Amino acid sequence: MKLLLDQNLSHRLVAALQSEFPGSTHVREHNLELADDAVIWEFARVHGFAIVSKDADFHQRSFVYGQPPKVVWLRVGNCTTEQVAATLRRRVEDLRAFAQDEESTFFIIS
């Protein structure tokens, strides 16, 4: 599962999560940090990424448009980059199952 990390998450997560989620990237690496949600959505869809965000907007968009891309909504409040990485690592098997589920569009981690 390749993750596209939204601008509300640290770009340092990319390196921290490469062993669990190879090929993951951050919107900043593609000059999308100020892009509209629709542009990020289309980028993720075309390039096979799941969007990871702390923002409810992508979760709502998944209801309207379905998948791809899949959406991982982090409802973890203010926390450090290390805490976010640890949270995603703890759920790696669940996220892999989510990636394989052809009907699921979003996954909430709280």
Protein backbone atom coordinates (compact mmCIF):
# COMPACT_ATOMS: atom_id res chain seq x y z
CA MET A 1 0.00 0.00 0.00
CA LYS A 2 1.46 3.34 -1.09
CA LEU A 3 0.44 6.29 1.05
CA LEU A 4 0.07 9.89 -0.08
CA LEU A 5 0.46 11.96 3.07
CA ASP A 6 -1.59 15.15 3.17
CA GLN A 7 -0.12 18.55 3.99
CA ASN A 8 -1.46 18.36 7.56
CA LEU A 9 1.05 15.56 8.25
CA SER A 10 4.81 15.87 8.43
CA HIS A 11 6.85 15.10 5.33
CA ARG A 12 9.27 13.27 7.67
CA LEU A 13 6.74 10.43 7.90
CA VAL A 14 7.73 9.31 4.40
CA ALA A 15 11.19 8.15 5.51
CA ALA A 16 9.86 6.83 8.83
CA LEU A 17 7.30 4.58 7.09
CA GLN A 18 9.19 3.35 4.01
CA SER A 19 9.76 -0.17 5.34
CA GLU A 20 6.06 -0.67 6.09
CA PHE A 21 4.66 1.36 3.19
CA PRO A 22 7.25 1.41 0.38
CA GLY A 23 6.66 3.94 -2.35
CA SER A 24 4.80 6.32 -0.06
CA THR A 25 5.19 10.04 -0.54
CA HIS A 26 4.06 13.43 0.71
CA VAL A 27 2.05 16.01 -1.23
CA ARG A 28 4.98 18.40 -0.78
CA GLU A 29 7.20 16.15 -2.90
CA HIS A 30 4.84 16.75 -5.84
CA ASN A 31 4.24 20.48 -5.29
CA LEU A 32 0.71 19.73 -4.09
CA GLU A 33 0.92 21.16 -0.57
CA LEU A 34 -1.32 24.08 -1.55
CA ALA A 35 -3.40 22.17 -4.09
CA ASP A 36 -7.15 21.85 -3.94
CA ASP A 37 -8.48 18.56 -2.55
CA ALA A 38 -9.78 17.62 -6.00
CA VAL A 39 -6.27 17.87 -7.46
CA ILE A 40 -4.78 15.75 -4.68
CA TRP A 41 -7.61 13.24 -5.09
CA GLU A 42 -6.96 12.88 -8.80
CA PHE A 43 -3.19 12.60 -8.30
CA ALA A 44 -3.71 9.80 -5.77
CA ARG A 45 -6.19 8.03 -8.05
CA VAL A 46 -3.96 8.16 -11.12
CA HIS A 47 -0.81 7.10 -9.26
CA GLY A 48 -2.30 4.38 -7.05
CA PHE A 49 -1.94 6.04 -3.66
CA ALA A 50 -4.18 5.89 -0.60
CA ILE A 51 -4.62 9.37 0.87
CA VAL A 52 -3.74 9.73 4.55
CA SER A 53 -5.06 12.87 6.21
CA LYS A 54 -6.17 14.32 9.51
CA ASP A 55 -8.73 16.34 7.55
CA ALA A 56 -12.35 15.16 7.29
CA ASP A 57 -12.64 16.56 3.75
CA PHE A 58 -11.15 13.47 2.09
CA HIS A 59 -13.34 11.20 4.20
CA GLN A 60 -16.39 13.13 2.97
CA ARG A 61 -15.12 13.05 -0.61
CA SER A 62 -14.85 9.25 -0.40
CA PHE A 63 -18.61 9.09 0.30
CA VAL A 64 -19.36 11.10 -2.83
CA TYR A 65 -16.84 9.59 -5.27
CA GLY A 66 -15.99 6.19 -3.82
CA GLN A 67 -12.61 4.71 -4.51
CA PRO A 68 -9.99 4.82 -5.88
CA PRO A 69 -8.29 6.38 -4.11
CA LYS A 70 -8.84 4.90 -0.71
CA VAL A 71 -8.72 7.26 2.27
CA VAL A 72 -7.16 6.77 5.69
CA TRP A 73 -8.55 9.33 8.11
CA LEU A 74 -6.35 9.88 11.16
CA ARG A 75 -8.47 11.09 14.05
CA VAL A 76 -5.61 11.33 16.51
CA GLY A 77 -5.60 15.00 17.49
CA ASN A 78 -2.38 16.86 18.07
CA CYS A 79 0.50 14.47 18.36
CA THR A 80 4.11 14.18 17.31
CA THR A 81 5.34 12.81 14.01
CA GLU A 82 6.74 9.83 15.91
CA GLN A 83 3.33 9.13 17.45
CA VAL A 84 1.65 9.26 14.04
CA ALA A 85 4.26 6.88 12.62
CA ALA A 86 3.81 4.50 15.56
CA THR A 87 0.03 4.61 15.13
CA LEU A 88 0.28 3.71 11.44
CA ARG A 89 2.81 0.95 12.16
CA ARG A 90 0.50 -0.58 14.78
CA ARG A 91 -2.25 -0.79 12.18
CA VAL A 92 -0.12 -1.98 9.24
CA GLU A 93 -1.89 -5.34 8.92
CA ASP A 94 -5.31 -3.69 9.13
CA LEU A 95 -4.24 -1.19 6.48
CA ARG A 96 -3.00 -3.94 4.18
CA ALA A 97 -6.33 -5.74 4.54
CA PHE A 98 -8.11 -2.46 3.83
CA ALA A 99 -6.03 -2.01 0.68
CA GLN A 100 -7.10 -5.45 -0.56
CA ASP A 101 -10.79 -4.96 0.22
CA GLU A 102 -12.38 -3.98 -3.08
CA GLU A 103 -15.47 -2.48 -1.44
CA SER A 104 -13.95 -0.36 1.34
CA THR A 105 -13.34 3.28 0.58
CA PHE A 106 -12.13 4.72 3.89
CA PHE A 107 -10.45 3.57 7.07
CA ILE A 108 -10.61 5.56 10.29
CA ILE A 109 -7.81 5.39 12.83
CA SER A 110 -8.56 7.04 16.16
